[in-house]
PDB file of N, CA and C in Angstrom:
ATOM      1  N   UNK A   1     251.134  99.188  87.629  1.00  0.00           N
ATOM      2  CA  UNK A   1     250.841  99.740  86.322  1.00  0.00           C
ATOM      3  C   UNK A   1     251.778 100.927  86.076  1.00  0.00           C
ATOM      4  N   UNK A   2     252.496 100.879  84.989  1.00  0.00           N
ATOM      5  CA  UNK A   2     253.384 101.968  84.614  1.00  0.00           C
ATOM      6  C   UNK A   2     252.727 102.756  83.503  1.00  0.00           C
ATOM      7  N   UNK A   3     252.451 104.028  83.760  1.00  0.00           N
ATOM      8  CA  UNK A   3     251.828 104.868  82.743  1.00  0.00           C
ATOM      9  C   UNK A   3     252.860 105.512  81.835  1.00  0.00           C
ATOM     10  N   UNK A   4     254.033 105.774  82.378  1.00  0.00           N
ATOM     11  CA  UNK A   4     255.056 106.488  81.629  1.00  0.00           C
ATOM     12  C   UNK A   4     256.356 105.723  81.689  1.00  0.00           C
ATOM     13  N   UNK A   5     257.141 105.853  80.633  1.00  0.00           N
ATOM     14  CA  UNK A   5     258.522 105.425  80.719  1.00  0.00           C
ATOM     15  C   UNK A   5     259.331 106.660  81.097  1.00  0.00           C
ATOM     16  N   UNK A   6     260.629 106.586  81.023  1.00  0.00           N
ATOM     17  CA  UNK A   6     261.450 107.716  81.446  1.00  0.00           C
ATOM     18  C   UNK A   6     261.673 108.737  80.343  1.00  0.00           C
ATOM     19  N   UNK A   7     261.010 108.557  79.222  1.00  0.00           N
ATOM     20  CA  UNK A   7     261.160 109.508  78.130  1.00  0.00           C
ATOM     21  C   UNK A   7     260.382 110.781  78.422  1.00  0.00           C
ATOM     22  N   UNK A   8     260.799 111.825  77.771  1.00  0.00           N
ATOM     23  CA  UNK A   8     260.058 113.075  77.860  1.00  0.00           C
ATOM     24  C   UNK A   8     260.227 113.813  76.541  1.00  0.00           C
ATOM     25  N   UNK A   9     259.217 114.511  76.163  1.00  0.00           N
ATOM     26  CA  UNK A   9     259.256 115.307  74.941  1.00  0.00           C
ATOM     27  C   UNK A   9     259.305 116.774  75.334  1.00  0.00           C
ATOM     28  N   UNK A  10     259.912 117.569  74.480  1.00  0.00           N
ATOM     29  CA  UNK A  10     260.010 119.002  74.728  1.00  0.00           C
ATOM     30  C   UNK A  10     259.591 119.745  73.470  1.00  0.00           C
ATOM     31  N   UNK A  11     258.707 120.731  73.660  1.00  0.00           N
ATOM     32  CA  UNK A  11     258.219 121.544  72.548  1.00  0.00           C
ATOM     33  C   UNK A  11     258.214 123.011  72.962  1.00  0.00           C
ATOM     34  N   UNK A  12     258.564 123.889  72.051  1.00  0.00           N
ATOM     35  CA  UNK A  12     258.299 125.302  72.313  1.00  0.00           C
ATOM     36  C   UNK A  12     256.778 125.499  72.387  1.00  0.00           C
ATOM     37  N   UNK A  13     256.325 126.416  73.206  1.00  0.00           N
ATOM     38  CA  UNK A  13     254.889 126.656  73.367  1.00  0.00           C
ATOM     39  C   UNK A  13     254.225 126.937  72.019  1.00  0.00           C
ATOM     40  N   UNK A  14     254.891 127.703  71.165  1.00  0.00           N
ATOM     41  CA  UNK A  14     254.300 128.038  69.863  1.00  0.00           C
ATOM     42  C   UNK A  14     254.084 126.785  69.008  1.00  0.00           C
ATOM     43  N   UNK A  15     255.030 125.853  69.023  1.00  0.00           N
ATOM     44  CA  UNK A  15     254.865 124.610  68.263  1.00  0.00           C
ATOM     45  C   UNK A  15     253.789 123.725  68.885  1.00  0.00           C
ATOM     46  N   UNK A  16     253.774 123.661  70.213  1.00  0.00           N
ATOM     47  CA  UNK A  16     252.760 122.859  70.901  1.00  0.00           C
ATOM     48  C   UNK A  16     251.365 123.377  70.580  1.00  0.00           C
ATOM     49  N   UNK A  17     251.222 124.677  70.498  1.00  0.00           N
ATOM     50  CA  UNK A  17     249.930 125.277  70.160  1.00  0.00           C
ATOM     51  C   UNK A  17     249.501 124.834  68.755  1.00  0.00           C
ATOM     52  N   UNK A  18     250.443 124.846  67.815  1.00  0.00           N
ATOM     53  CA  UNK A  18     250.136 124.457  66.444  1.00  0.00           C
ATOM     54  C   UNK A  18     249.837 122.965  66.314  1.00  0.00           C
ATOM     55  N   UNK A  19     250.408 122.159  67.220  1.00  0.00           N
ATOM     56  CA  UNK A  19     250.255 120.702  67.156  1.00  0.00           C
ATOM     57  C   UNK A  19     249.557 120.161  68.405  1.00  0.00           C
ATOM     58  N   UNK A  20     248.620 120.913  68.949  1.00  0.00           N
ATOM     59  CA  UNK A  20     248.022 120.589  70.242  1.00  0.00           C
ATOM     60  C   UNK A  20     247.465 119.170  70.303  1.00  0.00           C
ATOM     61  N   UNK A  21     246.762 118.740  69.286  1.00  0.00           N
ATOM     62  CA  UNK A  21     246.187 117.392  69.299  1.00  0.00           C
ATOM     63  C   UNK A  21     247.289 116.331  69.439  1.00  0.00           C
ATOM     64  N   UNK A  22     248.378 116.488  68.705  1.00  0.00           N
ATOM     65  CA  UNK A  22     249.489 115.536  68.795  1.00  0.00           C
ATOM     66  C   UNK A  22     250.167 115.595  70.164  1.00  0.00           C
ATOM     67  N   UNK A  23     250.336 116.786  70.687  1.00  0.00           N
ATOM     68  CA  UNK A  23     251.002 116.953  71.981  1.00  0.00           C
ATOM     69  C   UNK A  23     250.169 116.329  73.099  1.00  0.00           C
ATOM     70  N   UNK A  24     248.860 116.533  73.056  1.00  0.00           N
ATOM     71  CA  UNK A  24     247.981 115.941  74.070  1.00  0.00           C
ATOM     72  C   UNK A  24     248.029 114.418  73.968  1.00  0.00           C
ATOM     73  N   UNK A  25     248.041 113.885  72.777  1.00  0.00           N
ATOM     74  CA  UNK A  25     248.134 112.427  72.589  1.00  0.00           C
ATOM     75  C   UNK A  25     249.462 111.908  73.145  1.00  0.00           C
ATOM     76  N   UNK A  26     250.533 112.599  72.893  1.00  0.00           N
ATOM     77  CA  UNK A  26     251.847 112.204  73.386  1.00  0.00           C
ATOM     78  C   UNK A  26     251.893 112.218  74.907  1.00  0.00           C
ATOM     79  N   UNK A  27     251.197 113.160  75.517  1.00  0.00           N
ATOM     80  CA  UNK A  27     251.188 113.277  76.981  1.00  0.00           C
ATOM     81  C   UNK A  27     250.517 112.086  77.653  1.00  0.00           C
ATOM     82  N   UNK A  28     249.823 111.273  76.892  1.00  0.00           N
ATOM     83  CA  UNK A  28     249.221 110.065  77.470  1.00  0.00           C
ATOM     84  C   UNK A  28     250.273 109.033  77.824  1.00  0.00           C
ATOM     85  N   UNK A  29     251.447 109.100  77.168  1.00  0.00           N
ATOM     86  CA  UNK A  29     252.483 108.096  77.392  1.00  0.00           C
ATOM     87  C   UNK A  29     253.772 108.657  77.973  1.00  0.00           C
ATOM     88  N   UNK A  30     253.950 109.966  77.938  1.00  0.00           N
ATOM     89  CA  UNK A  30     255.143 110.569  78.511  1.00  0.00           C
ATOM     90  C   UNK A  30     254.878 112.026  78.862  1.00  0.00           C
ATOM     91  N   UNK A  31     255.693 112.540  79.739  1.00  0.00           N
ATOM     92  CA  UNK A  31     255.575 113.946  80.114  1.00  0.00           C
ATOM     93  C   UNK A  31     256.016 114.805  78.936  1.00  0.00           C
ATOM     94  N   UNK A  32     255.291 115.883  78.713  1.00  0.00           N
ATOM     95  CA  UNK A  32     255.629 116.808  77.640  1.00  0.00           C
ATOM     96  C   UNK A  32     255.979 118.153  78.277  1.00  0.00           C
ATOM     97  N   UNK A  33     257.231 118.571  78.086  1.00  0.00           N
ATOM     98  CA  UNK A  33     257.698 119.832  78.633  1.00  0.00           C
ATOM     99  C   UNK A  33     257.473 120.922  77.596  1.00  0.00           C
ATOM    100  N   UNK A  34     256.849 121.996  78.012  1.00  0.00           N
ATOM    101  CA  UNK A  34     256.592 123.126  77.129  1.00  0.00           C
ATOM    102  C   UNK A  34     257.551 124.252  77.494  1.00  0.00           C
ATOM    103  N   UNK A  35     258.289 124.707  76.495  1.00  0.00           N
ATOM    104  CA  UNK A  35     259.302 125.734  76.740  1.00  0.00           C
ATOM    105  C   UNK A  35     258.882 127.086  76.185  1.00  0.00           C
ATOM    106  N   UNK A  36     259.254 128.103  76.925  1.00  0.00           N
ATOM    107  CA  UNK A  36     259.079 129.483  76.482  1.00  0.00           C
ATOM    108  C   UNK A  36     260.423 130.181  76.707  1.00  0.00           C
ATOM    109  N   UNK A  37     260.954 130.776  75.652  1.00  0.00           N
ATOM    110  CA  UNK A  37     262.265 131.440  75.712  1.00  0.00           C
ATOM    111  C   UNK A  37     263.355 130.484  76.202  1.00  0.00           C
ATOM    112  N   UNK A  38     263.262 129.209  75.781  1.00  0.00           N
ATOM    113  CA  UNK A  38     264.285 128.225  76.109  1.00  0.00           C
ATOM    114  C   UNK A  38     264.227 127.660  77.509  1.00  0.00           C
ATOM    115  N   UNK A  39     263.215 128.043  78.281  1.00  0.00           N
ATOM    116  CA  UNK A  39     263.067 127.547  79.657  1.00  0.00           C
ATOM    117  C   UNK A  39     261.740 126.829  79.792  1.00  0.00           C
ATOM    118  N   UNK A  40     261.715 125.785  80.597  1.00  0.00           N
ATOM    119  CA  UNK A  40     260.478 125.039  80.803  1.00  0.00           C
ATOM    120  C   UNK A  40     259.453 125.947  81.475  1.00  0.00           C
ATOM    121  N   UNK A  41     258.286 126.060  80.833  1.00  0.00           N
ATOM    122  CA  UNK A  41     257.218 126.913  81.346  1.00  0.00           C
ATOM    123  C   UNK A  41     256.072 126.087  81.925  1.00  0.00           C
ATOM    124  N   UNK A  42     255.935 124.846  81.453  1.00  0.00           N
ATOM    125  CA  UNK A  42     254.841 123.994  81.911  1.00  0.00           C
ATOM    126  C   UNK A  42     255.152 122.549  81.548  1.00  0.00           C
ATOM    127  N   UNK A  43     254.434 121.641  82.190  1.00  0.00           N
ATOM    128  CA  UNK A  43     254.554 120.221  81.880  1.00  0.00           C
ATOM    129  C   UNK A  43     253.143 119.684  81.669  1.00  0.00           C
ATOM    130  N   UNK A  44     252.955 118.970  80.590  1.00  0.00           N
ATOM    131  CA  UNK A  44     251.662 118.384  80.259  1.00  0.00           C
ATOM    132  C   UNK A  44     251.730 116.893  80.550  1.00  0.00           C
ATOM    133  N   UNK A  45     250.795 116.399  81.382  1.00  0.00           N
ATOM    134  CA  UNK A  45     250.736 114.976  81.717  1.00  0.00           C
ATOM    135  C   UNK A  45     249.298 114.499  81.598  1.00  0.00           C
ATOM    136  N   UNK A  46     249.113 113.190  81.550  1.00  0.00           N
ATOM    137  CA  UNK A  46     247.776 112.625  81.445  1.00  0.00           C
ATOM    138  C   UNK A  46     247.029 112.761  82.766  1.00  0.00           C
ATOM    139  N   UNK A  47     245.705 112.711  82.727  1.00  0.00           N
ATOM    140  CA  UNK A  47     244.936 112.761  83.976  1.00  0.00           C
ATOM    141  C   UNK A  47     245.275 111.595  84.909  1.00  0.00           C
ATOM    142  N   UNK A  48     245.561 110.432  84.335  1.00  0.00           N
ATOM    143  CA  UNK A  48     245.905 109.266  85.161  1.00  0.00           C
ATOM    144  C   UNK A  48     247.212 109.503  85.912  1.00  0.00           C
ATOM    145  N   UNK A  49     248.194 110.058  85.213  1.00  0.00           N
ATOM    146  CA  UNK A  49     249.479 110.342  85.851  1.00  0.00           C
ATOM    147  C   UNK A  49     249.312 111.421  86.918  1.00  0.00           C
ATOM    148  N   UNK A  50     248.493 112.407  86.649  1.00  0.00           N
ATOM    149  CA  UNK A  50     248.220 113.465  87.622  1.00  0.00           C
ATOM    150  C   UNK A  50     247.627 112.873  88.903  1.00  0.00           C
ATOM    151  N   UNK A  51     246.675 111.947  88.748  1.00  0.00           N
ATOM    152  CA  UNK A  51     246.065 111.292  89.915  1.00  0.00           C
ATOM    153  C   UNK A  51     247.113 110.502  90.693  1.00  0.00           C
ATOM    154  N   UNK A  52     247.997 109.811  89.973  1.00  0.00           N
ATOM    155  CA  UNK A  52     249.076 109.076  90.644  1.00  0.00           C
ATOM    156  C   UNK A  52     249.948 110.020  91.457  1.00  0.00           C
ATOM    157  N   UNK A  53     250.297 111.144  90.887  1.00  0.00           N
ATOM    158  CA  UNK A  53     251.146 112.099  91.587  1.00  0.00           C
ATOM    159  C   UNK A  53     250.456 112.662  92.826  1.00  0.00           C
ATOM    160  N   UNK A  54     249.149 112.895  92.732  1.00  0.00           N
ATOM    161  CA  UNK A  54     248.407 113.366  93.909  1.00  0.00           C
ATOM    162  C   UNK A  54     248.416 112.323  95.011  1.00  0.00           C
ATOM    163  N   UNK A  55     248.271 111.038  94.635  1.00  0.00           N
ATOM    164  CA  UNK A  55     248.302 109.961  95.628  1.00  0.00           C
ATOM    165  C   UNK A  55     249.666 109.864  96.289  1.00  0.00           C
ATOM    166  N   UNK A  56     250.726 109.990  95.501  1.00  0.00           N
ATOM    167  CA  UNK A  56     252.081 109.946  96.053  1.00  0.00           C
ATOM    168  C   UNK A  56     252.283 111.097  97.023  1.00  0.00           C
ATOM    169  N   UNK A  57     251.807 112.282  96.644  1.00  0.00           N
ATOM    170  CA  UNK A  57     251.937 113.443  97.525  1.00  0.00           C
ATOM    171  C   UNK A  57     251.178 113.213  98.834  1.00  0.00           C
ATOM    172  N   UNK A  58     249.976 112.654  98.729  1.00  0.00           N
ATOM    173  CA  UNK A  58     249.180 112.378  99.927  1.00  0.00           C
ATOM    174  C   UNK A  58     249.872 111.350 100.808  1.00  0.00           C
ATOM    175  N   UNK A  59     250.429 110.304 100.189  1.00  0.00           N
ATOM    176  CA  UNK A  59     251.156 109.294 100.955  1.00  0.00           C
ATOM    177  C   UNK A  59     252.365 109.904 101.656  1.00  0.00           C
ATOM    178  N   UNK A  60     253.070 110.800 100.970  1.00  0.00           N
ATOM    179  CA  UNK A  60     254.234 111.455 101.562  1.00  0.00           C
ATOM    180  C   UNK A  60     253.820 112.301 102.769  1.00  0.00           C
ATOM    181  N   UNK A  61     252.676 112.963 102.665  1.00  0.00           N
ATOM    182  CA  UNK A  61     252.180 113.753 103.794  1.00  0.00           C
ATOM    183  C   UNK A  61     251.842 112.842 104.971  1.00  0.00           C
ATOM    184  N   UNK A  62     251.262 111.660 104.685  1.00  0.00           N
ATOM    185  CA  UNK A  62     250.943 110.706 105.744  1.00  0.00           C
ATOM    186  C   UNK A  62     252.212 110.220 106.436  1.00  0.00           C
ATOM    187  N   UNK A  63     253.254 109.941 105.646  1.00  0.00           N
ATOM    188  CA  UNK A  63     254.527 109.489 106.211  1.00  0.00           C
ATOM    189  C   UNK A  63     255.129 110.596 107.078  1.00  0.00           C
ATOM    190  N   UNK A  64     255.065 111.831 106.605  1.00  0.00           N
ATOM    191  CA  UNK A  64     255.607 112.946 107.376  1.00  0.00           C
ATOM    192  C   UNK A  64     254.855 113.105 108.698  1.00  0.00           C
ATOM    193  N   UNK A  65     253.541 112.958 108.665  1.00  0.00           N
ATOM    194  CA  UNK A  65     252.748 113.061 109.898  1.00  0.00           C
ATOM    195  C   UNK A  65     253.096 111.921 110.853  1.00  0.00           C
ATOM    196  N   UNK A  66     253.302 110.729 110.316  1.00  0.00           N
ATOM    197  CA  UNK A  66     253.681 109.584 111.142  1.00  0.00           C
ATOM    198  C   UNK A  66     255.047 109.824 111.784  1.00  0.00           C
ATOM    199  N   UNK A  67     256.009 110.285 110.972  1.00  0.00           N
ATOM    200  CA  UNK A  67     257.344 110.573 111.505  1.00  0.00           C
ATOM    201  C   UNK A  67     257.289 111.643 112.586  1.00  0.00           C
ATOM    202  N   UNK A  68     256.449 112.646 112.363  1.00  0.00           N
ATOM    203  CA  UNK A  68     256.305 113.718 113.351  1.00  0.00           C
ATOM    204  C   UNK A  68     255.716 113.173 114.652  1.00  0.00           C
ATOM    205  N   UNK A  69     254.742 112.287 114.530  1.00  0.00           N
ATOM    206  CA  UNK A  69     254.131 111.697 115.723  1.00  0.00           C
ATOM    207  C   UNK A  69     255.144 110.844 116.480  1.00  0.00           C
ATOM    208  N   UNK A  70     255.982 110.121 115.753  1.00  0.00           N
ATOM    209  CA  UNK A  70     257.002 109.308 116.413  1.00  0.00           C
ATOM    210  C   UNK A  70     258.025 110.177 117.151  1.00  0.00           C
ATOM    211  N   UNK A  71     258.278 111.357 116.631  1.00  0.00           N
ATOM    212  CA  UNK A  71     259.276 112.239 117.227  1.00  0.00           C
ATOM    213  C   UNK A  71     258.757 112.943 118.482  1.00  0.00           C
ATOM    214  N   UNK A  72     257.440 112.919 118.672  1.00  0.00           N
ATOM    215  CA  UNK A  72     256.873 113.580 119.853  1.00  0.00           C
ATOM    216  C   UNK A  72     257.366 112.892 121.122  1.00  0.00           C
ATOM    217  N   UNK A  73     257.663 113.706 122.101  1.00  0.00           N
ATOM    218  CA  UNK A  73     258.095 113.156 123.372  1.00  0.00           C
ATOM    219  C   UNK A  73     256.886 112.968 124.262  1.00  0.00           C
ATOM    220  N   UNK A  74     256.978 112.026 125.130  1.00  0.00           N
ATOM    221  CA  UNK A  74     255.909 111.763 126.064  1.00  0.00           C
ATOM    222  C   UNK A  74     255.977 110.319 126.514  1.00  0.00           C
ATOM    223  N   UNK A  75     255.063 109.948 127.368  1.00  0.00           N
ATOM    224  CA  UNK A  75     255.114 108.573 127.877  1.00  0.00           C
ATOM    225  C   UNK A  75     254.754 107.572 126.772  1.00  0.00           C
ATOM    226  N   UNK A  76     255.443 106.462 126.779  1.00  0.00           N
ATOM    227  CA  UNK A  76     255.134 105.381 125.848  1.00  0.00           C
ATOM    228  C   UNK A  76     253.979 104.559 126.394  1.00  0.00           C
ATOM    229  N   UNK A  77     253.140 104.107 125.508  1.00  0.00           N
ATOM    230  CA  UNK A  77     252.018 103.261 125.906  1.00  0.00           C
ATOM    231  C   UNK A  77     252.333 101.846 125.452  1.00  0.00           C
ATOM    232  N   UNK A  78     252.312 100.884 126.357  1.00  0.00           N
ATOM    233  CA  UNK A  78     252.611  99.500 125.976  1.00  0.00           C
ATOM    234  C   UNK A  78     251.621  98.987 124.917  1.00  0.00           C
ATOM    235  N   UNK A  79     252.126  98.185 123.984  1.00  0.00           N
ATOM    236  CA  UNK A  79     251.326  97.653 122.881  1.00  0.00           C
ATOM    237  C   UNK A  79     250.111  96.890 123.405  1.00  0.00           C
ATOM    238  N   UNK A  80     250.263  96.127 124.443  1.00  0.00           N
ATOM    239  CA  UNK A  80     249.140  95.359 125.006  1.00  0.00           C
ATOM    240  C   UNK A  80     248.021  96.301 125.468  1.00  0.00           C
ATOM    241  N   UNK A  81     248.384  97.439 126.044  1.00  0.00           N
ATOM    242  CA  UNK A  81     247.386  98.408 126.488  1.00  0.00           C
ATOM    243  C   UNK A  81     246.675  99.039 125.282  1.00  0.00           C
ATOM    244  N   UNK A  82     247.438  99.344 124.222  1.00  0.00           N
ATOM    245  CA  UNK A  82     246.835  99.907 123.017  1.00  0.00           C
ATOM    246  C   UNK A  82     245.818  98.944 122.433  1.00  0.00           C
ATOM    247  N   UNK A  83     246.195  97.663 122.320  1.00  0.00           N
ATOM    248  CA  UNK A  83     245.263  96.657 121.782  1.00  0.00           C
ATOM    249  C   UNK A  83     244.012  96.550 122.649  1.00  0.00           C
ATOM    250  N   UNK A  84     244.215  96.601 123.951  1.00  0.00           N
ATOM    251  CA  UNK A  84     243.081  96.518 124.860  1.00  0.00           C
ATOM    252  C   UNK A  84     242.165  97.736 124.710  1.00  0.00           C
ATOM    253  N   UNK A  85     242.776  98.928 124.620  1.00  0.00           N
ATOM    254  CA  UNK A  85     241.996 100.156 124.473  1.00  0.00           C
ATOM    255  C   UNK A  85     241.194 100.149 123.175  1.00  0.00           C
ATOM    256  N   UNK A  86     241.732  99.516 122.141  1.00  0.00           N
ATOM    257  CA  UNK A  86     241.046  99.446 120.841  1.00  0.00           C
ATOM    258  C   UNK A  86     240.072  98.283 120.762  1.00  0.00           C
ATOM    259  N   UNK A  87     240.041  97.451 121.805  1.00  0.00           N
ATOM    260  CA  UNK A  87     239.127  96.312 121.801  1.00  0.00           C
ATOM    261  C   UNK A  87     239.608  95.185 120.889  1.00  0.00           C
ATOM    262  N   UNK A  88     240.901  95.045 120.726  1.00  0.00           N
ATOM    263  CA  UNK A  88     241.462  94.028 119.833  1.00  0.00           C
ATOM    264  C   UNK A  88     241.753  92.714 120.534  1.00  0.00           C
ATOM    265  N   UNK A  89     241.333  92.552 121.739  1.00  0.00           N
ATOM    266  CA  UNK A  89     241.603  91.285 122.473  1.00  0.00           C
ATOM    267  C   UNK A  89     240.450  90.353 122.334  1.00  0.00           C
TER     268      UNK A  89
END
């Protein structure tokens, strides 16, 4: 499921405030960048997209932990022993 395309909208904070209902509606389909003094101050996204980003972050942390575990030095345990220890036979 794709929630967003690669488009993004940009609004000065003052304009976004005046058009808040429209900006929130737009954020359902694309990221909305809010600028203050010509610099991005915030990004408005849908709750669904926010949840997706949290899941991606969690998955990335899991991958990092896995990579870290693989990098640990120590004796290797044969796969057959692991299966036996887990009761998979």
